[in-house]
PDB file of N, CA and C in Angstrom:
ATOM      1  N   MET A   1     348.400 -91.455 -77.866  1.00  0.00           N
ATOM      2  CA  MET A   1     348.883 -92.782 -78.427  1.00  0.00           C
ATOM      3  C   MET A   1     348.694 -93.826 -77.294  1.00  0.00           C
ATOM      4  N   ILE A   2     348.158 -94.941 -77.837  1.00  0.00           N
ATOM      5  CA  ILE A   2     347.878 -96.079 -76.811  1.00  0.00           C
ATOM      6  C   ILE A   2     348.905 -97.196 -77.119  1.00  0.00           C
ATOM      7  N   MET A   3     349.382 -97.668 -76.076  1.00  0.00           N
ATOM      8  CA  MET A   3     350.449 -98.772 -76.304  1.00  0.00           C
ATOM      9  C   MET A   3     349.866-100.182 -75.690  1.00  0.00           C
ATOM     10  N   ALA A   4     350.213-101.113 -76.385  1.00  0.00           N
ATOM     11  CA  ALA A   4     349.529-102.399 -75.782  1.00  0.00           C
ATOM     12  C   ALA A   4     350.742-102.846 -74.795  1.00  0.00           C
ATOM     13  N   ASP A   5     350.084-103.553 -73.710  1.00  0.00           N
ATOM     14  CA  ASP A   5     350.950-104.165 -72.852  1.00  0.00           C
ATOM     15  C   ASP A   5     351.909-105.270 -73.447  1.00  0.00           C
ATOM     16  N   THR A   6     353.122-105.186 -73.126  1.00  0.00           N
ATOM     17  CA  THR A   6     353.979-106.338 -73.517  1.00  0.00           C
ATOM     18  C   THR A   6     353.590-107.603 -72.936  1.00  0.00           C
ATOM     19  N   PRO A   7     353.586-108.696 -73.634  1.00  0.00           N
ATOM     20  CA  PRO A   7     353.342-110.017 -72.926  1.00  0.00           C
ATOM     21  C   PRO A   7     354.091-110.358 -71.817  1.00  0.00           C
ATOM     22  N   LYS A   8     353.606-110.847 -70.778  1.00  0.00           N
ATOM     23  CA  LYS A   8     354.552-111.200 -69.665  1.00  0.00           C
ATOM     24  C   LYS A   8     354.952-112.664 -69.817  1.00  0.00           C
ATOM     25  N   ASP A   9     355.953-113.036 -69.414  1.00  0.00           N
ATOM     26  CA  ASP A   9     356.352-114.356 -69.494  1.00  0.00           C
ATOM     27  C   ASP A   9     355.469-115.172 -68.496  1.00  0.00           C
ATOM     28  N   GLU A  10     354.738-116.241 -69.122  1.00  0.00           N
ATOM     29  CA  GLU A  10     353.857-117.073 -68.389  1.00  0.00           C
ATOM     30  C   GLU A  10     354.747-118.172 -67.830  1.00  0.00           C
ATOM     31  N   LYS A  11     354.627-118.494 -66.451  1.00  0.00           N
ATOM     32  CA  LYS A  11     355.328-119.554 -66.043  1.00  0.00           C
ATOM     33  C   LYS A  11     354.491-120.812 -66.382  1.00  0.00           C
ATOM     34  N   VAL A  12     355.289-121.856 -66.852  1.00  0.00           N
ATOM     35  CA  VAL A  12     354.615-123.128 -67.169  1.00  0.00           C
ATOM     36  C   VAL A  12     355.020-124.152 -65.963  1.00  0.00           C
ATOM     37  N   ALA A  13     353.987-124.555 -65.439  1.00  0.00           N
ATOM     38  CA  ALA A  13     354.157-125.570 -64.381  1.00  0.00           C
ATOM     39  C   ALA A  13     354.902-126.923 -64.953  1.00  0.00           C
ATOM     40  N   PRO A  14     355.770-127.329 -64.265  1.00  0.00           N
ATOM     41  CA  PRO A  14     356.425-128.572 -64.686  1.00  0.00           C
ATOM     42  C   PRO A  14     355.564-129.683 -64.723  1.00  0.00           C
ATOM     43  N   THR A  15     355.573-130.697 -65.746  1.00  0.00           N
ATOM     44  CA  THR A  15     354.795-131.873 -65.651  1.00  0.00           C
ATOM     45  C   THR A  15     355.211-132.916 -64.680  1.00  0.00           C
ATOM     46  N   ILE A  16     354.324-133.413 -63.894  1.00  0.00           N
ATOM     47  CA  ILE A  16     354.595-134.320 -62.888  1.00  0.00           C
ATOM     48  C   ILE A  16     354.184-135.751 -63.228  1.00  0.00           C
ATOM     49  N   GLU A  17     355.172-136.434 -63.414  1.00  0.00           N
ATOM     50  CA  GLU A  17     355.115-137.913 -63.804  1.00  0.00           C
ATOM     51  C   GLU A  17     354.711-138.767 -62.597  1.00  0.00           C
ATOM     52  N   ILE A  18     353.667-139.355 -62.696  1.00  0.00           N
ATOM     53  CA  ILE A  18     353.092-140.285 -61.513  1.00  0.00           C
ATOM     54  C   ILE A  18     353.498-141.898 -62.006  1.00  0.00           C
ATOM     55  N   PRO A  19     354.239-142.437 -61.254  1.00  0.00           N
ATOM     56  CA  PRO A  19     354.705-143.918 -61.585  1.00  0.00           C
ATOM     57  C   PRO A  19     353.322-144.767 -61.701  1.00  0.00           C
ATOM     58  N   THR A  20     353.355-145.628 -62.544  1.00  0.00           N
ATOM     59  CA  THR A  20     352.289-146.676 -62.750  1.00  0.00           C
ATOM     60  C   THR A  20     351.817-147.325 -61.507  1.00  0.00           C
ATOM     61  N   GLU A  21     352.914-147.725 -60.786  1.00  0.00           N
ATOM     62  CA  GLU A  21     352.605-148.511 -59.727  1.00  0.00           C
ATOM     63  C   GLU A  21     351.853-147.681 -58.599  1.00  0.00           C
ATOM     64  N   ASP A  22     352.173-146.372 -58.513  1.00  0.00           N
ATOM     65  CA  ASP A  22     351.389-145.427 -57.618  1.00  0.00           C
ATOM     66  C   ASP A  22     349.930-145.251 -58.122  1.00  0.00           C
ATOM     67  N   VAL A  23     349.837-145.206 -59.332  1.00  0.00           N
ATOM     68  CA  VAL A  23     348.435-145.041 -59.857  1.00  0.00           C
ATOM     69  C   VAL A  23     347.616-146.389 -59.554  1.00  0.00           C
ATOM     70  N   GLU A  24     348.360-147.527 -59.888  1.00  0.00           N
ATOM     71  CA  GLU A  24     347.531-148.674 -59.619  1.00  0.00           C
ATOM     72  C   GLU A  24     347.307-148.876 -58.061  1.00  0.00           C
ATOM     73  N   LYS A  25     348.143-148.543 -57.249  1.00  0.00           N
ATOM     74  CA  LYS A  25     347.903-148.732 -55.757  1.00  0.00           C
ATOM     75  C   LYS A  25     346.773-147.763 -55.321  1.00  0.00           C
ATOM     76  N   ALA A  26     346.848-146.463 -55.825  1.00  0.00           N
ATOM     77  CA  ALA A  26     345.779-145.644 -55.411  1.00  0.00           C
ATOM     78  C   ALA A  26     344.410-146.108 -56.057  1.00  0.00           C
ATOM     79  N   ALA A  27     344.328-146.631 -57.150  1.00  0.00           N
ATOM     80  CA  ALA A  27     343.093-147.214 -57.752  1.00  0.00           C
ATOM     81  C   ALA A  27     342.501-148.240 -56.942  1.00  0.00           C
ATOM     82  N   LYS A  28     343.455-149.229 -56.413  1.00  0.00           N
ATOM     83  CA  LYS A  28     342.912-150.393 -55.612  1.00  0.00           C
ATOM     84  C   LYS A  28     342.355-149.656 -54.283  1.00  0.00           C
ATOM     85  N   LEU A  29     343.004-148.699 -53.761  1.00  0.00           N
ATOM     86  CA  LEU A  29     342.422-148.082 -52.567  1.00  0.00           C
ATOM     87  C   LEU A  29     341.223-147.377 -52.773  1.00  0.00           C
ATOM     88  N   ILE A  30     341.066-146.769 -53.865  1.00  0.00           N
ATOM     89  CA  ILE A  30     339.858-145.987 -54.161  1.00  0.00           C
ATOM     90  C   ILE A  30     338.649-146.959 -54.187  1.00  0.00           C
ATOM     91  N   LEU A  31     338.859-148.204 -54.609  1.00  0.00           N
ATOM     92  CA  LEU A  31     337.776-149.175 -54.735  1.00  0.00           C
ATOM     93  C   LEU A  31     337.573-149.738 -53.219  1.00  0.00           C
ATOM     94  N   THR A  32     338.509-149.934 -52.437  1.00  0.00           N
ATOM     95  CA  THR A  32     338.316-150.488 -51.109  1.00  0.00           C
ATOM     96  C   THR A  32     339.598-149.992 -50.424  1.00  0.00           C
ATOM     97  N   PRO A  33     339.644-149.094 -49.392  1.00  0.00           N
ATOM     98  CA  PRO A  33     338.375-148.739 -48.560  1.00  0.00           C
ATOM     99  C   PRO A  33     337.618-147.570 -49.044  1.00  0.00           C
ATOM    100  N   GLY A  34     337.968-147.020 -50.321  1.00  0.00           N
ATOM    101  CA  GLY A  34     337.389-145.884 -50.856  1.00  0.00           C
ATOM    102  C   GLY A  34     338.116-144.663 -50.930  1.00  0.00           C
ATOM    103  N   TYR A  35     339.291-144.643 -50.347  1.00  0.00           N
ATOM    104  CA  TYR A  35     340.144-143.393 -50.324  1.00  0.00           C
ATOM    105  C   TYR A  35     341.558-143.680 -50.313  1.00  0.00           C
ATOM    106  N   VAL A  36     342.344-142.663 -50.523  1.00  0.00           N
ATOM    107  CA  VAL A  36     343.946-142.820 -50.539  1.00  0.00           C
ATOM    108  C   VAL A  36     344.284-141.530 -49.833  1.00  0.00           C
ATOM    109  N   THR A  37     345.268-141.597 -48.981  1.00  0.00           N
ATOM    110  CA  THR A  37     346.005-140.508 -48.274  1.00  0.00           C
ATOM    111  C   THR A  37     347.460-140.561 -48.391  1.00  0.00           C
ATOM    112  N   LYS A  38     348.210-139.552 -47.695  1.00  0.00           N
ATOM    113  CA  LYS A  38     349.633-139.559 -47.616  1.00  0.00           C
ATOM    114  C   LYS A  38     350.064-140.725 -46.863  1.00  0.00           C
ATOM    115  N   ASN A  39     349.303-141.330 -46.021  1.00  0.00           N
ATOM    116  CA  ASN A  39     349.804-142.606 -45.296  1.00  0.00           C
ATOM    117  C   ASN A  39     349.931-143.634 -46.249  1.00  0.00           C
ATOM    118  N   ASP A  40     349.165-143.679 -47.366  1.00  0.00           N
ATOM    119  CA  ASP A  40     349.263-144.882 -48.320  1.00  0.00           C
ATOM    120  C   ASP A  40     350.302-144.422 -49.485  1.00  0.00           C
ATOM    121  N   LEU A  41     350.543-143.086 -49.674  1.00  0.00           N
ATOM    122  CA  LEU A  41     351.335-142.826 -50.724  1.00  0.00           C
ATOM    123  C   LEU A  41     352.112-141.476 -50.184  1.00  0.00           C
ATOM    124  N   PRO A  42     353.031-141.423 -49.520  1.00  0.00           N
ATOM    125  CA  PRO A  42     353.752-140.394 -48.750  1.00  0.00           C
ATOM    126  C   PRO A  42     353.938-138.993 -49.736  1.00  0.00           C
ATOM    127  N   LYS A  43     354.169-139.245 -51.037  1.00  0.00           N
ATOM    128  CA  LYS A  43     354.302-138.223 -51.863  1.00  0.00           C
ATOM    129  C   LYS A  43     352.942-137.275 -52.039  1.00  0.00           C
ATOM    130  N   MET A  44     351.906-137.657 -51.405  1.00  0.00           N
ATOM    131  CA  MET A  44     350.678-136.826 -51.422  1.00  0.00           C
ATOM    132  C   MET A  44     350.784-135.751 -50.394  1.00  0.00           C
ATOM    133  N   LYS A  45     352.029-135.627 -49.788  1.00  0.00           N
ATOM    134  CA  LYS A  45     352.091-134.262 -48.932  1.00  0.00           C
ATOM    135  C   LYS A  45     352.284-133.227 -49.776  1.00  0.00           C
ATOM    136  N   ASP A  46     352.836-133.459 -50.924  1.00  0.00           N
ATOM    137  CA  ASP A  46     353.109-132.394 -51.907  1.00  0.00           C
ATOM    138  C   ASP A  46     351.630-132.182 -52.932  1.00  0.00           C
ATOM    139  N   LEU A  47     351.049-130.908 -52.665  1.00  0.00           N
ATOM    140  CA  LEU A  47     349.760-130.733 -53.376  1.00  0.00           C
ATOM    141  C   LEU A  47     349.899-130.966 -54.830  1.00  0.00           C
ATOM    142  N   ALA A  48     350.963-130.412 -55.562  1.00  0.00           N
ATOM    143  CA  ALA A  48     350.914-130.636 -56.907  1.00  0.00           C
ATOM    144  C   ALA A  48     350.992-132.134 -57.373  1.00  0.00           C
ATOM    145  N   TRP A  49     351.727-132.923 -56.543  1.00  0.00           N
ATOM    146  CA  TRP A  49     351.795-134.292 -56.862  1.00  0.00           C
ATOM    147  C   TRP A  49     350.426-135.117 -56.512  1.00  0.00           C
ATOM    148  N   ALA A  50     349.867-134.646 -55.307  1.00  0.00           N
ATOM    149  CA  ALA A  50     348.474-135.331 -55.158  1.00  0.00           C
ATOM    150  C   ALA A  50     347.494-134.796 -56.099  1.00  0.00           C
ATOM    151  N   THR A  51     347.481-133.612 -56.646  1.00  0.00           N
ATOM    152  CA  THR A  51     346.531-133.274 -57.690  1.00  0.00           C
ATOM    153  C   THR A  51     346.779-134.049 -59.000  1.00  0.00           C
ATOM    154  N   ALA A  52     348.200-134.219 -59.402  1.00  0.00           N
ATOM    155  CA  ALA A  52     348.360-134.996 -60.429  1.00  0.00           C
ATOM    156  C   ALA A  52     348.077-136.507 -60.420  1.00  0.00           C
ATOM    157  N   LEU A  53     348.243-136.945 -59.129  1.00  0.00           N
ATOM    158  CA  LEU A  53     347.678-138.366 -58.815  1.00  0.00           C
ATOM    159  C   LEU A  53     346.269-138.410 -59.101  1.00  0.00           C
ATOM    160  N   SER A  54     345.501-137.522 -58.668  1.00  0.00           N
ATOM    161  CA  SER A  54     344.045-137.514 -58.753  1.00  0.00           C
ATOM    162  C   SER A  54     343.721-137.541 -60.195  1.00  0.00           C
ATOM    163  N   LYS A  55     344.188-136.786 -61.004  1.00  0.00           N
ATOM    164  CA  LYS A  55     344.082-136.812 -62.463  1.00  0.00           C
ATOM    165  C   LYS A  55     344.464-138.144 -63.146  1.00  0.00           C
ATOM    166  N   ALA A  56     345.527-138.739 -62.653  1.00  0.00           N
ATOM    167  CA  ALA A  56     346.093-139.883 -63.203  1.00  0.00           C
ATOM    168  C   ALA A  56     345.122-141.099 -62.850  1.00  0.00           C
ATOM    169  N   VAL A  57     344.643-141.193 -61.762  1.00  0.00           N
ATOM    170  CA  VAL A  57     343.739-142.157 -61.189  1.00  0.00           C
ATOM    171  C   VAL A  57     342.316-141.952 -61.917  1.00  0.00           C
ATOM    172  N   THR A  58     341.921-140.737 -62.094  1.00  0.00           N
ATOM    173  CA  THR A  58     340.702-140.681 -62.863  1.00  0.00           C
ATOM    174  C   THR A  58     340.935-141.146 -64.296  1.00  0.00           C
ATOM    175  N   LYS A  59     342.034-140.838 -64.981  1.00  0.00           N
ATOM    176  CA  LYS A  59     342.291-141.316 -66.279  1.00  0.00           C
ATOM    177  C   LYS A  59     342.377-142.893 -66.324  1.00  0.00           C
ATOM    178  N   HIS A  60     342.983-143.340 -65.378  1.00  0.00           N
ATOM    179  CA  HIS A  60     343.141-144.783 -65.194  1.00  0.00           C
ATOM    180  C   HIS A  60     341.687-145.532 -65.267  1.00  0.00           C
ATOM    181  N   PHE A  61     340.823-145.020 -64.580  1.00  0.00           N
ATOM    182  CA  PHE A  61     339.548-145.573 -64.516  1.00  0.00           C
ATOM    183  C   PHE A  61     338.785-145.377 -65.835  1.00  0.00           C
ATOM    184  N   LEU A  62     338.881-144.168 -66.449  1.00  0.00           N
ATOM    185  CA  LEU A  62     338.290-143.838 -67.736  1.00  0.00           C
ATOM    186  C   LEU A  62     338.950-144.710 -68.879  1.00  0.00           C
ATOM    187  N   GLU A  63     340.140-144.987 -68.859  1.00  0.00           N
ATOM    188  CA  GLU A  63     340.799-145.535 -70.064  1.00  0.00           C
ATOM    189  C   GLU A  63     341.155-146.946 -69.762  1.00  0.00           C
ATOM    190  N   ASN A  64     341.516-147.411 -68.568  1.00  0.00           N
ATOM    191  CA  ASN A  64     342.238-148.680 -68.344  1.00  0.00           C
ATOM    192  C   ASN A  64     341.341-149.744 -67.574  1.00  0.00           C
ATOM    193  N   ASP A  65     340.286-149.332 -67.086  1.00  0.00           N
ATOM    194  CA  ASP A  65     339.545-150.250 -66.248  1.00  0.00           C
ATOM    195  C   ASP A  65     338.044-150.225 -66.585  1.00  0.00           C
ATOM    196  N   ASP A  66     337.715-151.162 -67.463  1.00  0.00           N
ATOM    197  CA  ASP A  66     336.334-151.334 -67.875  1.00  0.00           C
ATOM    198  C   ASP A  66     335.426-151.792 -66.807  1.00  0.00           C
ATOM    199  N   ASP A  67     336.036-152.520 -65.681  1.00  0.00           N
ATOM    200  CA  ASP A  67     335.016-153.172 -64.582  1.00  0.00           C
ATOM    201  C   ASP A  67     334.604-152.129 -63.536  1.00  0.00           C
ATOM    202  N   HIS A  68     335.230-150.919 -63.445  1.00  0.00           N
ATOM    203  CA  HIS A  68     334.945-150.029 -62.351  1.00  0.00           C
ATOM    204  C   HIS A  68     334.782-148.684 -62.916  1.00  0.00           C
ATOM    205  N   ASP A  69     333.710-147.924 -62.426  1.00  0.00           N
ATOM    206  CA  ASP A  69     333.677-146.716 -62.822  1.00  0.00           C
ATOM    207  C   ASP A  69     333.306-145.722 -61.514  1.00  0.00           C
ATOM    208  N   PRO A  70     334.263-145.645 -60.584  1.00  0.00           N
ATOM    209  CA  PRO A  70     334.042-144.741 -59.483  1.00  0.00           C
ATOM    210  C   PRO A  70     333.922-143.321 -59.755  1.00  0.00           C
ATOM    211  N   TYR A  71     333.272-142.674 -58.852  1.00  0.00           N
ATOM    212  CA  TYR A  71     333.175-141.142 -58.972  1.00  0.00           C
ATOM    213  C   TYR A  71     334.417-140.632 -58.098  1.00  0.00           C
ATOM    214  N   VAL A  72     335.443-140.322 -58.600  1.00  0.00           N
ATOM    215  CA  VAL A  72     336.715-140.043 -57.838  1.00  0.00           C
ATOM    216  C   VAL A  72     336.762-138.517 -57.664  1.00  0.00           C
ATOM    217  N   TYR A  73     336.931-138.173 -56.516  1.00  0.00           N
ATOM    218  CA  TYR A  73     336.993-136.646 -56.044  1.00  0.00           C
ATOM    219  C   TYR A  73     338.200-136.540 -55.187  1.00  0.00           C
ATOM    220  N   PHE A  74     338.807-135.236 -55.429  1.00  0.00           N
ATOM    221  CA  PHE A  74     340.083-134.817 -54.705  1.00  0.00           C
ATOM    222  C   PHE A  74     339.519-133.709 -53.807  1.00  0.00           C
ATOM    223  N   GLU A  75     340.067-133.663 -52.492  1.00  0.00           N
ATOM    224  CA  GLU A  75     339.757-132.640 -51.667  1.00  0.00           C
ATOM    225  C   GLU A  75     340.938-132.419 -50.673  1.00  0.00           C
ATOM    226  N   GLN A  76     341.093-131.213 -50.322  1.00  0.00           N
ATOM    227  CA  GLN A  76     341.999-130.909 -49.128  1.00  0.00           C
ATOM    228  C   GLN A  76     341.182-130.392 -48.013  1.00  0.00           C
ATOM    229  N   PHE A  77     341.671-130.653 -46.712  1.00  0.00           N
ATOM    230  CA  PHE A  77     341.048-130.234 -45.647  1.00  0.00           C
ATOM    231  C   PHE A  77     341.933-129.634 -44.522  1.00  0.00           C
ATOM    232  N   ASP A  78     341.583-128.648 -43.814  1.00  0.00           N
ATOM    233  CA  ASP A  78     342.363-127.992 -42.764  1.00  0.00           C
ATOM    234  C   ASP A  78     342.026-128.628 -41.449  1.00  0.00           C
ATOM    235  N   PHE A  79     343.063-128.832 -40.720  1.00  0.00           N
ATOM    236  CA  PHE A  79     342.938-129.518 -39.262  1.00  0.00           C
ATOM    237  C   PHE A  79     343.427-128.554 -38.249  1.00  0.00           C
ATOM    238  N   ALA A  80     343.201-128.831 -36.995  1.00  0.00           N
ATOM    239  CA  ALA A  80     343.727-128.151 -35.809  1.00  0.00           C
ATOM    240  C   ALA A  80     345.291-128.040 -35.968  1.00  0.00           C
ATOM    241  N   GLY A  81     345.831-126.831 -35.645  1.00  0.00           N
ATOM    242  CA  GLY A  81     347.212-126.651 -35.749  1.00  0.00           C
ATOM    243  C   GLY A  81     347.616-126.200 -37.138  1.00  0.00           C
ATOM    244  N   GLY A  82     346.770-126.149 -37.993  1.00  0.00           N
ATOM    245  CA  GLY A  82     347.051-125.570 -39.273  1.00  0.00           C
ATOM    246  C   GLY A  82     347.596-126.595 -40.351  1.00  0.00           C
ATOM    247  N   ASP A  83     347.432-127.859 -40.044  1.00  0.00           N
ATOM    248  CA  ASP A  83     347.789-128.894 -41.013  1.00  0.00           C
ATOM    249  C   ASP A  83     346.636-128.832 -42.153  1.00  0.00           C
ATOM    250  N   ILE A  84     347.186-128.918 -43.471  1.00  0.00           N
ATOM    251  CA  ILE A  84     346.317-129.105 -44.532  1.00  0.00           C
ATOM    252  C   ILE A  84     346.841-130.431 -45.228  1.00  0.00           C
ATOM    253  N   ASP A  85     345.786-131.361 -45.428  1.00  0.00           N
ATOM    254  CA  ASP A  85     346.128-132.601 -45.998  1.00  0.00           C
ATOM    255  C   ASP A  85     345.030-132.989 -46.980  1.00  0.00           C
ATOM    256  N   SER A  86     345.626-133.808 -48.054  1.00  0.00           N
ATOM    257  CA  SER A  86     344.665-134.169 -49.246  1.00  0.00           C
ATOM    258  C   SER A  86     344.141-135.579 -49.000  1.00  0.00           C
ATOM    259  N   ILE A  87     342.998-135.712 -49.675  1.00  0.00           N
ATOM    260  CA  ILE A  87     342.431-137.096 -49.884  1.00  0.00           C
ATOM    261  C   ILE A  87     341.783-137.277 -51.079  1.00  0.00           C
ATOM    262  N   ILE A  88     342.100-138.436 -51.783  1.00  0.00           N
ATOM    263  CA  ILE A  88     341.280-138.800 -53.156  1.00  0.00           C
ATOM    264  C   ILE A  88     340.381-139.711 -52.632  1.00  0.00           C
ATOM    265  N   PHE A  89     339.065-139.603 -52.965  1.00  0.00           N
ATOM    266  CA  PHE A  89     338.083-140.721 -52.408  1.00  0.00           C
ATOM    267  C   PHE A  89     337.092-140.800 -53.423  1.00  0.00           C
ATOM    268  N   ASN A  90     336.369-142.019 -53.381  1.00  0.00           N
ATOM    269  CA  ASN A  90     335.376-142.604 -54.086  1.00  0.00           C
ATOM    270  C   ASN A  90     334.115-142.174 -53.717  1.00  0.00           C
ATOM    271  N   MET A  91     333.304-141.390 -54.270  1.00  0.00           N
ATOM    272  CA  MET A  91     331.943-140.816 -53.629  1.00  0.00           C
ATOM    273  C   MET A  91     330.939-141.965 -53.690  1.00  0.00           C
ATOM    274  N   ASP A  92     331.267-142.923 -54.377  1.00  0.00           N
ATOM    275  CA  ASP A  92     330.290-144.149 -54.382  1.00  0.00           C
ATOM    276  C   ASP A  92     330.441-144.841 -53.087  1.00  0.00           C
ATOM    277  N   VAL A  93     331.605-144.798 -52.442  1.00  0.00           N
ATOM    278  CA  VAL A  93     332.002-145.459 -51.090  1.00  0.00           C
ATOM    279  C   VAL A  93     331.830-144.485 -50.021  1.00  0.00           C
ATOM    280  N   VAL A  94     332.538-143.283 -50.087  1.00  0.00           N
ATOM    281  CA  VAL A  94     332.385-142.178 -49.212  1.00  0.00           C
ATOM    282  C   VAL A  94     331.617-141.124 -49.808  1.00  0.00           C
ATOM    283  N   PRO A  95     330.359-141.091 -49.517  1.00  0.00           N
ATOM    284  CA  PRO A  95     329.360-140.298 -50.211  1.00  0.00           C
ATOM    285  C   PRO A  95     329.358-138.785 -50.023  1.00  0.00           C
ATOM    286  N   THR A  96     330.003-138.246 -48.960  1.00  0.00           N
ATOM    287  CA  THR A  96     330.060-136.865 -48.720  1.00  0.00           C
ATOM    288  C   THR A  96     331.487-136.406 -48.213  1.00  0.00           C
ATOM    289  N   ARG A  97     331.582-134.923 -48.441  1.00  0.00           N
ATOM    290  CA  ARG A  97     332.912-134.460 -48.050  1.00  0.00           C
ATOM    291  C   ARG A  97     332.988-134.534 -46.541  1.00  0.00           C
ATOM    292  N   GLU A  98     331.908-134.470 -45.780  1.00  0.00           N
ATOM    293  CA  GLU A  98     332.065-134.605 -44.308  1.00  0.00           C
ATOM    294  C   GLU A  98     332.497-136.037 -43.943  1.00  0.00           C
ATOM    295  N   GLU A  99     332.106-137.143 -44.552  1.00  0.00           N
ATOM    296  CA  GLU A  99     332.610-138.417 -44.318  1.00  0.00           C
ATOM    297  C   GLU A  99     334.066-138.440 -44.848  1.00  0.00           C
ATOM    298  N   ALA A 100     334.516-137.876 -45.839  1.00  0.00           N
ATOM    299  CA  ALA A 100     335.879-137.906 -46.236  1.00  0.00           C
ATOM    300  C   ALA A 100     336.740-137.088 -45.345  1.00  0.00           C
ATOM    301  N   LEU A 101     336.249-136.058 -44.763  1.00  0.00           N
ATOM    302  CA  LEU A 101     336.883-135.272 -43.668  1.00  0.00           C
ATOM    303  C   LEU A 101     337.226-136.220 -42.412  1.00  0.00           C
ATOM    304  N   GLN A 102     336.114-136.976 -42.084  1.00  0.00           N
ATOM    305  CA  GLN A 102     336.139-137.836 -40.883  1.00  0.00           C
ATOM    306  C   GLN A 102     337.094-139.010 -41.200  1.00  0.00           C
ATOM    307  N   ASP A 103     337.158-139.581 -42.345  1.00  0.00           N
ATOM    308  CA  ASP A 103     338.106-140.657 -42.702  1.00  0.00           C
ATOM    309  C   ASP A 103     339.461-140.109 -42.765  1.00  0.00           C
ATOM    310  N   LEU A 104     339.738-139.011 -43.405  1.00  0.00           N
ATOM    311  CA  LEU A 104     341.051-138.395 -43.476  1.00  0.00           C
ATOM    312  C   LEU A 104     341.543-138.140 -42.134  1.00  0.00           C
ATOM    313  N   ALA A 105     340.747-137.544 -41.159  1.00  0.00           N
ATOM    314  CA  ALA A 105     341.141-137.265 -39.851  1.00  0.00           C
ATOM    315  C   ALA A 105     341.570-138.481 -39.117  1.00  0.00           C
ATOM    316  N   GLU A 106     340.717-139.514 -39.186  1.00  0.00           N
ATOM    317  CA  GLU A 106     341.016-140.910 -38.431  1.00  0.00           C
ATOM    318  C   GLU A 106     342.265-141.435 -39.108  1.00  0.00           C
ATOM    319  N   ALA A 107     342.509-141.471 -40.473  1.00  0.00           N
ATOM    320  CA  ALA A 107     343.684-142.121 -41.092  1.00  0.00           C
ATOM    321  C   ALA A 107     344.842-141.297 -40.586  1.00  0.00           C
ATOM    322  N   LEU A 108     344.881-140.089 -40.401  1.00  0.00           N
ATOM    323  CA  LEU A 108     346.135-139.342 -40.185  1.00  0.00           C
ATOM    324  C   LEU A 108     346.306-138.863 -38.589  1.00  0.00           C
ATOM    325  N   GLY A 109     345.194-139.255 -37.938  1.00  0.00           N
ATOM    326  CA  GLY A 109     345.298-138.926 -36.417  1.00  0.00           C
ATOM    327  C   GLY A 109     345.179-137.362 -36.264  1.00  0.00           C
ATOM    328  N   GLU A 110     344.351-136.807 -37.049  1.00  0.00           N
ATOM    329  CA  GLU A 110     344.237-135.246 -37.019  1.00  0.00           C
ATOM    330  C   GLU A 110     343.051-134.788 -36.210  1.00  0.00           C
ATOM    331  N   LYS A 111     342.988-133.761 -35.787  1.00  0.00           N
ATOM    332  CA  LYS A 111     341.895-133.146 -34.895  1.00  0.00           C
ATOM    333  C   LYS A 111     340.899-132.259 -35.828  1.00  0.00           C
ATOM    334  N   ILE A 112     339.701-132.443 -36.082  1.00  0.00           N
ATOM    335  CA  ILE A 112     338.971-131.691 -36.898  1.00  0.00           C
ATOM    336  C   ILE A 112     338.604-130.292 -36.061  1.00  0.00           C
ATOM    337  N   VAL A 113     338.660-129.307 -36.738  1.00  0.00           N
ATOM    338  CA  VAL A 113     338.306-127.956 -36.287  1.00  0.00           C
ATOM    339  C   VAL A 113     336.846-127.814 -36.495  1.00  0.00           C
ATOM    340  N   VAL A 114     336.065-127.660 -35.337  1.00  0.00           N
ATOM    341  CA  VAL A 114     334.689-127.336 -35.387  1.00  0.00           C
ATOM    342  C   VAL A 114     334.372-125.993 -34.987  1.00  0.00           C
ATOM    343  N   PRO A 115     334.014-125.157 -35.931  1.00  0.00           N
ATOM    344  CA  PRO A 115     333.622-123.719 -35.509  1.00  0.00           C
ATOM    345  C   PRO A 115     332.520-123.615 -34.672  1.00  0.00           C
ATOM    346  N   LYS A 116     332.530-122.665 -33.636  1.00  0.00           N
ATOM    347  CA  LYS A 116     331.589-122.248 -32.682  1.00  0.00           C
ATOM    348  C   LYS A 116     330.318-121.590 -33.512  1.00  0.00           C
ATOM    349  N   ASP A 117     329.074-121.851 -33.136  1.00  0.00           N
ATOM    350  CA  ASP A 117     327.975-121.238 -33.675  1.00  0.00           C
ATOM    351  C   ASP A 117     328.137-119.780 -33.748  1.00  0.00           C
ATOM    352  N   ASN A 118     328.475-119.182 -32.625  1.00  0.00           N
ATOM    353  CA  ASN A 118     328.597-117.684 -32.500  1.00  0.00           C
ATOM    354  C   ASN A 118     330.100-117.109 -32.623  1.00  0.00           C
ATOM    355  N   ASP A 119     330.820-117.865 -33.544  1.00  0.00           N
ATOM    356  CA  ASP A 119     332.331-117.421 -33.544  1.00  0.00           C
ATOM    357  C   ASP A 119     332.529-116.186 -34.523  1.00  0.00           C
ATOM    358  N   GLN A 120     331.573-115.569 -34.983  1.00  0.00           N
ATOM    359  CA  GLN A 120     331.864-114.438 -35.829  1.00  0.00           C
ATOM    360  C   GLN A 120     330.763-113.286 -35.282  1.00  0.00           C
ATOM    361  N   THR A 121     331.405-112.061 -35.578  1.00  0.00           N
ATOM    362  CA  THR A 121     330.489-110.963 -35.268  1.00  0.00           C
ATOM    363  C   THR A 121     329.960-110.321 -36.531  1.00  0.00           C
ATOM    364  N   THR A 122     328.711-110.156 -36.658  1.00  0.00           N
ATOM    365  CA  THR A 122     328.163-109.756 -37.920  1.00  0.00           C
ATOM    366  C   THR A 122     327.745-108.219 -37.705  1.00  0.00           C
ATOM    367  N   TYR A 123     328.257-107.386 -38.531  1.00  0.00           N
ATOM    368  CA  TYR A 123     328.046-105.837 -38.426  1.00  0.00           C
ATOM    369  C   TYR A 123     327.053-105.283 -39.435  1.00  0.00           C
TER     370      TYR A 123
END
């Protein structure tokens, strides 16, 4: 006799509402200087909130701003000491992840971890 697994309760993530004024502030910063960090919007310390903001900003440009069409990108970076921070950036202004990392490090006063060339042993 073969029995099917009983369905497991799937956890539904709560919907995060991003205030319009936060979306508009982030959208302006995405255009100039080209990125937004937790220094601009402190709630970005929370990964779920930062992710929701990124989606809301992308939606803003797609649906509510006919004058601008930035390539909005969301990324998290690790820094010395174990800090992980988020940046939402405009790839038309900040064209690479490396430049986004530099901008985020400078904005937050973080130290970038640079791996040594021979930091790993290969077997």
